[in-house]
């Protein structure tokens, strides 16, 4: 099984904004060097899309929050997030 650990760093959440602006995200695949990318990096969307469409199991300390931040930043990924949930 392919596992990808991810974590988003964000602006502070505040009333009415519980999925605040993404600043950067980090990831780790067992046996590989960890990665970090700014949310504004032009490669970020395609990289994250590949994780959602691929076979990797996405895990994190608070992955529900991270996926909400991801959907707030890139709303076009929302359908893929729910498909990933449906696949466990």
PDB file of N, CA and C in Angstrom:
ATOM      1  N   UNK A   1       0.843  -1.182   0.000  1.00  0.00           N
ATOM      2  CA  UNK A   1       0.000   0.000   0.000  1.00  0.00           C
ATOM      3  C   UNK A   1       0.887   1.244   0.000  1.00  0.00           C
ATOM      4  N   UNK A   2       0.566   2.182  -0.854  1.00  0.00           N
ATOM      5  CA  UNK A   2       1.275   3.458  -0.905  1.00  0.00           C
ATOM      6  C   UNK A   2       0.619   4.423   0.076  1.00  0.00           C
ATOM      7  N   UNK A   3       1.425   4.982   0.948  1.00  0.00           N
ATOM      8  CA  UNK A   3       0.921   5.931   1.942  1.00  0.00           C
ATOM      9  C   UNK A   3       1.612   7.269   1.730  1.00  0.00           C
ATOM     10  N   UNK A   4       0.831   8.319   1.776  1.00  0.00           N
ATOM     11  CA  UNK A   4       1.373   9.666   1.691  1.00  0.00           C
ATOM     12  C   UNK A   4       0.849  10.435   2.897  1.00  0.00           C
ATOM     13  N   UNK A   5       1.761  10.909   3.734  1.00  0.00           N
ATOM     14  CA  UNK A   5       1.402  11.714   4.896  1.00  0.00           C
ATOM     15  C   UNK A   5       1.451  13.176   4.462  1.00  0.00           C
ATOM     16  N   UNK A   6       0.403  13.935   4.761  1.00  0.00           N
ATOM     17  CA  UNK A   6       0.395  15.335   4.346  1.00  0.00           C
ATOM     18  C   UNK A   6      -0.073  16.232   5.470  1.00  0.00           C
ATOM     19  N   UNK A   7       0.322  17.487   5.364  1.00  0.00           N
ATOM     20  CA  UNK A   7      -0.055  18.486   6.355  1.00  0.00           C
ATOM     21  C   UNK A   7      -0.010  19.855   5.698  1.00  0.00           C
ATOM     22  N   UNK A   8      -1.071  20.618   5.860  1.00  0.00           N
ATOM     23  CA  UNK A   8      -1.117  21.998   5.371  1.00  0.00           C
ATOM     24  C   UNK A   8      -0.847  22.949   6.520  1.00  0.00           C
ATOM     25  N   UNK A   9      -0.090  23.983   6.239  1.00  0.00           N
ATOM     26  CA  UNK A   9       0.078  25.104   7.167  1.00  0.00           C
ATOM     27  C   UNK A   9      -0.784  26.232   6.611  1.00  0.00           C
ATOM     28  N   UNK A  10      -1.480  26.912   7.497  1.00  0.00           N
ATOM     29  CA  UNK A  10      -2.472  27.888   7.060  1.00  0.00           C
ATOM     30  C   UNK A  10      -2.369  29.189   7.834  1.00  0.00           C
ATOM     31  N   UNK A  11      -3.134  30.171   7.341  1.00  0.00           N
ATOM     32  CA  UNK A  11      -3.390  31.372   8.128  1.00  0.00           C
ATOM     33  C   UNK A  11      -4.247  30.930   9.318  1.00  0.00           C
ATOM     34  N   UNK A  12      -4.436  31.790  10.280  1.00  0.00           N
ATOM     35  CA  UNK A  12      -5.256  31.451  11.437  1.00  0.00           C
ATOM     36  C   UNK A  12      -6.718  31.323  11.037  1.00  0.00           C
ATOM     37  N   UNK A  13      -7.409  30.338  11.625  1.00  0.00           N
ATOM     38  CA  UNK A  13      -8.847  30.308  11.386  1.00  0.00           C
ATOM     39  C   UNK A  13      -9.492  31.344  12.280  1.00  0.00           C
ATOM     40  N   UNK A  14     -10.665  31.763  11.868  1.00  0.00           N
ATOM     41  CA  UNK A  14     -11.360  32.853  12.545  1.00  0.00           C
ATOM     42  C   UNK A  14     -12.858  32.669  12.319  1.00  0.00           C
ATOM     43  N   UNK A  15     -13.694  33.419  13.003  1.00  0.00           N
ATOM     44  CA  UNK A  15     -15.144  33.249  12.818  1.00  0.00           C
ATOM     45  C   UNK A  15     -15.521  33.330  11.335  1.00  0.00           C
ATOM     46  N   UNK A  16     -16.251  32.326  10.890  1.00  0.00           N
ATOM     47  CA  UNK A  16     -16.697  32.284   9.501  1.00  0.00           C
ATOM     48  C   UNK A  16     -15.681  31.710   8.533  1.00  0.00           C
ATOM     49  N   UNK A  17     -14.465  31.446   8.993  1.00  0.00           N
ATOM     50  CA  UNK A  17     -13.419  30.905   8.108  1.00  0.00           C
ATOM     51  C   UNK A  17     -12.706  29.768   8.859  1.00  0.00           C
ATOM     52  N   UNK A  18     -13.291  28.595   8.794  1.00  0.00           N
ATOM     53  CA  UNK A  18     -12.709  27.449   9.488  1.00  0.00           C
ATOM     54  C   UNK A  18     -11.779  26.631   8.586  1.00  0.00           C
ATOM     55  N   UNK A  19     -11.711  26.986   7.318  1.00  0.00           N
ATOM     56  CA  UNK A  19     -10.727  26.406   6.395  1.00  0.00           C
ATOM     57  C   UNK A  19      -9.968  27.596   5.794  1.00  0.00           C
ATOM     58  N   UNK A  20      -9.014  28.158   6.558  1.00  0.00           N
ATOM     59  CA  UNK A  20      -8.356  29.394   6.133  1.00  0.00           C
ATOM     60  C   UNK A  20      -7.392  29.183   4.975  1.00  0.00           C
ATOM     61  N   UNK A  21      -6.823  30.269   4.556  1.00  0.00           N
ATOM     62  CA  UNK A  21      -5.933  30.293   3.410  1.00  0.00           C
ATOM     63  C   UNK A  21      -4.736  29.367   3.631  1.00  0.00           C
ATOM     64  N   UNK A  22      -4.464  28.533   2.629  1.00  0.00           N
ATOM     65  CA  UNK A  22      -3.300  27.643   2.673  1.00  0.00           C
ATOM     66  C   UNK A  22      -2.038  28.466   2.443  1.00  0.00           C
ATOM     67  N   UNK A  23      -1.006  28.182   3.211  1.00  0.00           N
ATOM     68  CA  UNK A  23       0.290  28.836   3.041  1.00  0.00           C
ATOM     69  C   UNK A  23       1.248  27.887   2.340  1.00  0.00           C
ATOM     70  N   UNK A  24       1.384  26.690   2.888  1.00  0.00           N
ATOM     71  CA  UNK A  24       2.244  25.683   2.285  1.00  0.00           C
ATOM     72  C   UNK A  24       1.767  24.312   2.731  1.00  0.00           C
ATOM     73  N   UNK A  25       2.308  23.283   2.113  1.00  0.00           N
ATOM     74  CA  UNK A  25       2.002  21.938   2.557  1.00  0.00           C
ATOM     75  C   UNK A  25       3.270  21.103   2.502  1.00  0.00           C
ATOM     76  N   UNK A  26       3.295  20.132   3.373  1.00  0.00           N
ATOM     77  CA  UNK A  26       4.423  19.210   3.449  1.00  0.00           C
ATOM     78  C   UNK A  26       3.882  17.803   3.261  1.00  0.00           C
ATOM     79  N   UNK A  27       4.739  16.919   2.773  1.00  0.00           N
ATOM     80  CA  UNK A  27       4.336  15.536   2.604  1.00  0.00           C
ATOM     81  C   UNK A  27       5.515  14.617   2.832  1.00  0.00           C
ATOM     82  N   UNK A  28       5.178  13.397   3.100  1.00  0.00           N
ATOM     83  CA  UNK A  28       6.193  12.383   3.368  1.00  0.00           C
ATOM     84  C   UNK A  28       5.688  11.059   2.823  1.00  0.00           C
ATOM     85  N   UNK A  29       6.547  10.374   2.115  1.00  0.00           N
ATOM     86  CA  UNK A  29       6.302   9.019   1.645  1.00  0.00           C
ATOM     87  C   UNK A  29       7.375   8.155   2.293  1.00  0.00           C
ATOM     88  N   UNK A  30       6.986   7.091   2.988  1.00  0.00           N
ATOM     89  CA  UNK A  30       7.996   6.244   3.618  1.00  0.00           C
ATOM     90  C   UNK A  30       9.077   5.822   2.619  1.00  0.00           C
ATOM     91  N   UNK A  31      10.323   5.997   3.030  1.00  0.00           N
ATOM     92  CA  UNK A  31      11.453   5.630   2.183  1.00  0.00           C
ATOM     93  C   UNK A  31      11.918   6.716   1.236  1.00  0.00           C
ATOM     94  N   UNK A  32      11.254   7.866   1.243  1.00  0.00           N
ATOM     95  CA  UNK A  32      11.622   8.980   0.370  1.00  0.00           C
ATOM     96  C   UNK A  32      11.893  10.230   1.210  1.00  0.00           C
ATOM     97  N   UNK A  33      12.555  11.186   0.595  1.00  0.00           N
ATOM     98  CA  UNK A  33      12.784  12.473   1.249  1.00  0.00           C
ATOM     99  C   UNK A  33      11.452  13.214   1.393  1.00  0.00           C
ATOM    100  N   UNK A  34      11.238  13.917   2.491  1.00  0.00           N
ATOM    101  CA  UNK A  34      10.007  14.706   2.633  1.00  0.00           C
ATOM    102  C   UNK A  34      10.016  15.876   1.652  1.00  0.00           C
ATOM    103  N   UNK A  35       8.835  16.384   1.373  1.00  0.00           N
ATOM    104  CA  UNK A  35       8.708  17.530   0.469  1.00  0.00           C
ATOM    105  C   UNK A  35       7.956  18.665   1.128  1.00  0.00           C
ATOM    106  N   UNK A  36       8.181  19.851   0.604  1.00  0.00           N
ATOM    107  CA  UNK A  36       7.460  21.046   1.050  1.00  0.00           C
ATOM    108  C   UNK A  36       7.237  21.918  -0.172  1.00  0.00           C
ATOM    109  N   UNK A  37       6.047  22.515  -0.253  1.00  0.00           N
ATOM    110  CA  UNK A  37       5.732  23.366  -1.397  1.00  0.00           C
ATOM    111  C   UNK A  37       4.808  24.491  -0.943  1.00  0.00           C
ATOM    112  N   UNK A  38       5.067  25.683  -1.423  1.00  0.00           N
ATOM    113  CA  UNK A  38       4.199  26.823  -1.155  1.00  0.00           C
ATOM    114  C   UNK A  38       2.880  26.602  -1.895  1.00  0.00           C
ATOM    115  N   UNK A  39       1.794  26.983  -1.286  1.00  0.00           N
ATOM    116  CA  UNK A  39       0.479  26.793  -1.902  1.00  0.00           C
ATOM    117  C   UNK A  39       0.325  27.580  -3.193  1.00  0.00           C
ATOM    118  N   UNK A  40       1.103  28.636  -3.371  1.00  0.00           N
ATOM    119  CA  UNK A  40       1.032  29.434  -4.591  1.00  0.00           C
ATOM    120  C   UNK A  40       1.918  28.876  -5.711  1.00  0.00           C
ATOM    121  N   UNK A  41       2.680  27.852  -5.428  1.00  0.00           N
ATOM    122  CA  UNK A  41       3.542  27.247  -6.455  1.00  0.00           C
ATOM    123  C   UNK A  41       2.662  26.727  -7.591  1.00  0.00           C
ATOM    124  N   UNK A  42       2.989  27.054  -8.832  1.00  0.00           N
ATOM    125  CA  UNK A  42       2.155  26.623  -9.950  1.00  0.00           C
ATOM    126  C   UNK A  42       2.055  25.102 -10.097  1.00  0.00           C
ATOM    127  N   UNK A  43       2.971  24.355  -9.506  1.00  0.00           N
ATOM    128  CA  UNK A  43       2.937  22.886  -9.584  1.00  0.00           C
ATOM    129  C   UNK A  43       2.032  22.258  -8.534  1.00  0.00           C
ATOM    130  N   UNK A  44       1.597  23.037  -7.555  1.00  0.00           N
ATOM    131  CA  UNK A  44       0.870  22.484  -6.405  1.00  0.00           C
ATOM    132  C   UNK A  44      -0.431  21.799  -6.814  1.00  0.00           C
ATOM    133  N   UNK A  45      -1.230  22.441  -7.617  1.00  0.00           N
ATOM    134  CA  UNK A  45      -2.530  21.885  -7.987  1.00  0.00           C
ATOM    135  C   UNK A  45      -2.384  20.536  -8.689  1.00  0.00           C
ATOM    136  N   UNK A  46      -1.494  20.439  -9.665  1.00  0.00           N
ATOM    137  CA  UNK A  46      -1.351  19.170 -10.385  1.00  0.00           C
ATOM    138  C   UNK A  46      -0.777  18.077  -9.486  1.00  0.00           C
ATOM    139  N   UNK A  47       0.106  18.432  -8.568  1.00  0.00           N
ATOM    140  CA  UNK A  47       0.661  17.450  -7.646  1.00  0.00           C
ATOM    141  C   UNK A  47      -0.439  16.884  -6.740  1.00  0.00           C
ATOM    142  N   UNK A  48      -1.215  17.755  -6.158  1.00  0.00           N
ATOM    143  CA  UNK A  48      -2.278  17.313  -5.257  1.00  0.00           C
ATOM    144  C   UNK A  48      -3.347  16.542  -6.025  1.00  0.00           C
ATOM    145  N   UNK A  49      -3.669  17.000  -7.224  1.00  0.00           N
ATOM    146  CA  UNK A  49      -4.642  16.265  -8.051  1.00  0.00           C
ATOM    147  C   UNK A  49      -4.155  14.834  -8.294  1.00  0.00           C
ATOM    148  N   UNK A  50      -2.859  14.665  -8.532  1.00  0.00           N
ATOM    149  CA  UNK A  50      -2.328  13.320  -8.779  1.00  0.00           C
ATOM    150  C   UNK A  50      -2.479  12.432  -7.542  1.00  0.00           C
ATOM    151  N   UNK A  51      -2.353  12.998  -6.341  1.00  0.00           N
ATOM    152  CA  UNK A  51      -2.548  12.216  -5.112  1.00  0.00           C
ATOM    153  C   UNK A  51      -3.997  11.782  -4.967  1.00  0.00           C
ATOM    154  N   UNK A  52      -4.906  12.681  -5.310  1.00  0.00           N
ATOM    155  CA  UNK A  52      -6.327  12.364  -5.177  1.00  0.00           C
ATOM    156  C   UNK A  52      -6.775  11.342  -6.220  1.00  0.00           C
ATOM    157  N   UNK A  53      -6.195  11.382  -7.391  1.00  0.00           N
ATOM    158  CA  UNK A  53      -6.574  10.451  -8.452  1.00  0.00           C
ATOM    159  C   UNK A  53      -5.812   9.128  -8.369  1.00  0.00           C
ATOM    160  N   UNK A  54      -4.717   9.109  -7.637  1.00  0.00           N
ATOM    161  CA  UNK A  54      -3.867   7.932  -7.560  1.00  0.00           C
ATOM    162  C   UNK A  54      -4.291   6.964  -6.474  1.00  0.00           C
ATOM    163  N   UNK A  55      -3.515   5.895  -6.322  1.00  0.00           N
ATOM    164  CA  UNK A  55      -3.862   4.849  -5.353  1.00  0.00           C
ATOM    165  C   UNK A  55      -3.385   5.125  -3.927  1.00  0.00           C
ATOM    166  N   UNK A  56      -2.650   6.212  -3.710  1.00  0.00           N
ATOM    167  CA  UNK A  56      -2.087   6.483  -2.395  1.00  0.00           C
ATOM    168  C   UNK A  56      -3.179   6.645  -1.337  1.00  0.00           C
ATOM    169  N   UNK A  57      -2.878   6.166  -0.155  1.00  0.00           N
ATOM    170  CA  UNK A  57      -3.704   6.419   1.006  1.00  0.00           C
ATOM    171  C   UNK A  57      -3.196   7.717   1.618  1.00  0.00           C
ATOM    172  N   UNK A  58      -4.058   8.713   1.732  1.00  0.00           N
ATOM    173  CA  UNK A  58      -3.667  10.007   2.289  1.00  0.00           C
ATOM    174  C   UNK A  58      -3.962  10.004   3.782  1.00  0.00           C
ATOM    175  N   UNK A  59      -2.949  10.281   4.572  1.00  0.00           N
ATOM    176  CA  UNK A  59      -3.106  10.288   6.025  1.00  0.00           C
ATOM    177  C   UNK A  59      -2.488  11.556   6.591  1.00  0.00           C
ATOM    178  N   UNK A  60      -2.896  11.892   7.799  1.00  0.00           N
ATOM    179  CA  UNK A  60      -2.334  13.049   8.480  1.00  0.00           C
ATOM    180  C   UNK A  60      -2.899  13.128   9.882  1.00  0.00           C
ATOM    181  N   UNK A  61      -2.312  13.992  10.674  1.00  0.00           N
ATOM    182  CA  UNK A  61      -2.763  14.157  12.055  1.00  0.00           C
ATOM    183  C   UNK A  61      -4.198  14.672  12.093  1.00  0.00           C
ATOM    184  N   UNK A  62      -4.514  15.621  11.225  1.00  0.00           N
ATOM    185  CA  UNK A  62      -5.860  16.181  11.137  1.00  0.00           C
ATOM    186  C   UNK A  62      -6.223  16.310   9.663  1.00  0.00           C
ATOM    187  N   UNK A  63      -6.274  15.184   8.981  1.00  0.00           N
ATOM    188  CA  UNK A  63      -6.443  15.175   7.536  1.00  0.00           C
ATOM    189  C   UNK A  63      -7.779  15.781   7.102  1.00  0.00           C
ATOM    190  N   UNK A  64      -8.799  15.704   7.935  1.00  0.00           N
ATOM    191  CA  UNK A  64     -10.087  16.322   7.594  1.00  0.00           C
ATOM    192  C   UNK A  64      -9.908  17.832   7.422  1.00  0.00           C
ATOM    193  N   UNK A  65      -9.192  18.453   8.334  1.00  0.00           N
ATOM    194  CA  UNK A  65      -8.911  19.886   8.239  1.00  0.00           C
ATOM    195  C   UNK A  65      -8.079  20.167   6.988  1.00  0.00           C
ATOM    196  N   UNK A  66      -7.034  19.363   6.769  1.00  0.00           N
ATOM    197  CA  UNK A  66      -6.164  19.576   5.610  1.00  0.00           C
ATOM    198  C   UNK A  66      -6.935  19.460   4.300  1.00  0.00           C
ATOM    199  N   UNK A  67      -7.840  18.494   4.204  1.00  0.00           N
ATOM    200  CA  UNK A  67      -8.629  18.350   2.979  1.00  0.00           C
ATOM    201  C   UNK A  67      -9.627  19.491   2.819  1.00  0.00           C
ATOM    202  N   UNK A  68     -10.161  20.012   3.922  1.00  0.00           N
ATOM    203  CA  UNK A  68     -11.046  21.184   3.840  1.00  0.00           C
ATOM    204  C   UNK A  68     -10.273  22.403   3.340  1.00  0.00           C
ATOM    205  N   UNK A  69      -9.058  22.586   3.844  1.00  0.00           N
ATOM    206  CA  UNK A  69      -8.201  23.685   3.384  1.00  0.00           C
ATOM    207  C   UNK A  69      -7.901  23.517   1.898  1.00  0.00           C
ATOM    208  N   UNK A  70      -7.603  22.291   1.502  1.00  0.00           N
ATOM    209  CA  UNK A  70      -7.318  21.993   0.101  1.00  0.00           C
ATOM    210  C   UNK A  70      -8.515  22.360  -0.783  1.00  0.00           C
ATOM    211  N   UNK A  71      -9.724  21.988  -0.362  1.00  0.00           N
ATOM    212  CA  UNK A  71     -10.923  22.294  -1.148  1.00  0.00           C
ATOM    213  C   UNK A  71     -11.226  23.790  -1.169  1.00  0.00           C
ATOM    214  N   UNK A  72     -10.929  24.483  -0.069  1.00  0.00           N
ATOM    215  CA  UNK A  72     -11.133  25.933  -0.058  1.00  0.00           C
ATOM    216  C   UNK A  72     -10.162  26.618  -1.018  1.00  0.00           C
ATOM    217  N   UNK A  73      -8.933  26.114  -1.092  1.00  0.00           N
ATOM    218  CA  UNK A  73      -7.911  26.701  -1.970  1.00  0.00           C
ATOM    219  C   UNK A  73      -8.171  26.360  -3.435  1.00  0.00           C
ATOM    220  N   UNK A  74      -8.546  25.096  -3.687  1.00  0.00           N
ATOM    221  CA  UNK A  74      -8.796  24.610  -5.053  1.00  0.00           C
ATOM    222  C   UNK A  74     -10.164  23.936  -5.092  1.00  0.00           C
ATOM    223  N   UNK A  75     -11.253  24.699  -5.211  1.00  0.00           N
ATOM    224  CA  UNK A  75     -12.602  24.116  -5.179  1.00  0.00           C
ATOM    225  C   UNK A  75     -12.827  23.043  -6.247  1.00  0.00           C
ATOM    226  N   UNK A  76     -12.092  23.107  -7.317  1.00  0.00           N
ATOM    227  CA  UNK A  76     -12.251  22.110  -8.382  1.00  0.00           C
ATOM    228  C   UNK A  76     -11.818  20.711  -7.944  1.00  0.00           C
ATOM    229  N   UNK A  77     -11.154  20.600  -6.796  1.00  0.00           N
ATOM    230  CA  UNK A  77     -10.734  19.296  -6.283  1.00  0.00           C
ATOM    231  C   UNK A  77     -11.772  18.657  -5.365  1.00  0.00           C
ATOM    232  N   UNK A  78     -12.827  19.371  -5.042  1.00  0.00           N
ATOM    233  CA  UNK A  78     -13.800  18.876  -4.067  1.00  0.00           C
ATOM    234  C   UNK A  78     -14.371  17.515  -4.459  1.00  0.00           C
ATOM    235  N   UNK A  79     -14.770  17.358  -5.700  1.00  0.00           N
ATOM    236  CA  UNK A  79     -15.325  16.069  -6.150  1.00  0.00           C
ATOM    237  C   UNK A  79     -14.308  14.952  -5.965  1.00  0.00           C
ATOM    238  N   UNK A  80     -13.044  15.225  -6.284  1.00  0.00           N
ATOM    239  CA  UNK A  80     -12.000  14.204  -6.129  1.00  0.00           C
ATOM    240  C   UNK A  80     -11.773  13.838  -4.660  1.00  0.00           C
ATOM    241  N   UNK A  81     -11.889  14.812  -3.776  1.00  0.00           N
ATOM    242  CA  UNK A  81     -11.741  14.536  -2.340  1.00  0.00           C
ATOM    243  C   UNK A  81     -12.831  13.564  -1.892  1.00  0.00           C
ATOM    244  N   UNK A  82     -14.067  13.806  -2.305  1.00  0.00           N
ATOM    245  CA  UNK A  82     -15.141  12.918  -1.891  1.00  0.00           C
ATOM    246  C   UNK A  82     -15.020  11.537  -2.533  1.00  0.00           C
ATOM    247  N   UNK A  83     -14.525  11.467  -3.755  1.00  0.00           N
ATOM    248  CA  UNK A  83     -14.261  10.162  -4.379  1.00  0.00           C
ATOM    249  C   UNK A  83     -13.202   9.409  -3.596  1.00  0.00           C
ATOM    250  N   UNK A  84     -12.165  10.132  -3.148  1.00  0.00           N
ATOM    251  CA  UNK A  84     -11.098   9.502  -2.351  1.00  0.00           C
ATOM    252  C   UNK A  84     -11.685   8.975  -1.032  1.00  0.00           C
ATOM    253  N   UNK A  85     -12.536   9.752  -0.388  1.00  0.00           N
ATOM    254  CA  UNK A  85     -13.197   9.279   0.835  1.00  0.00           C
ATOM    255  C   UNK A  85     -14.006   8.020   0.555  1.00  0.00           C
ATOM    256  N   UNK A  86     -14.729   7.996  -0.567  1.00  0.00           N
ATOM    257  CA  UNK A  86     -15.527   6.829  -0.909  1.00  0.00           C
ATOM    258  C   UNK A  86     -14.663   5.570  -1.082  1.00  0.00           C
ATOM    259  N   UNK A  87     -13.424   5.762  -1.493  1.00  0.00           N
ATOM    260  CA  UNK A  87     -12.505   4.624  -1.667  1.00  0.00           C
ATOM    261  C   UNK A  87     -11.761   4.283  -0.381  1.00  0.00           C
ATOM    262  N   UNK A  88     -12.046   4.985   0.690  1.00  0.00           N
ATOM    263  CA  UNK A  88     -11.365   4.867   1.982  1.00  0.00           C
ATOM    264  C   UNK A  88      -9.980   5.465   1.911  1.00  0.00           C
TER     265      UNK A  88
END
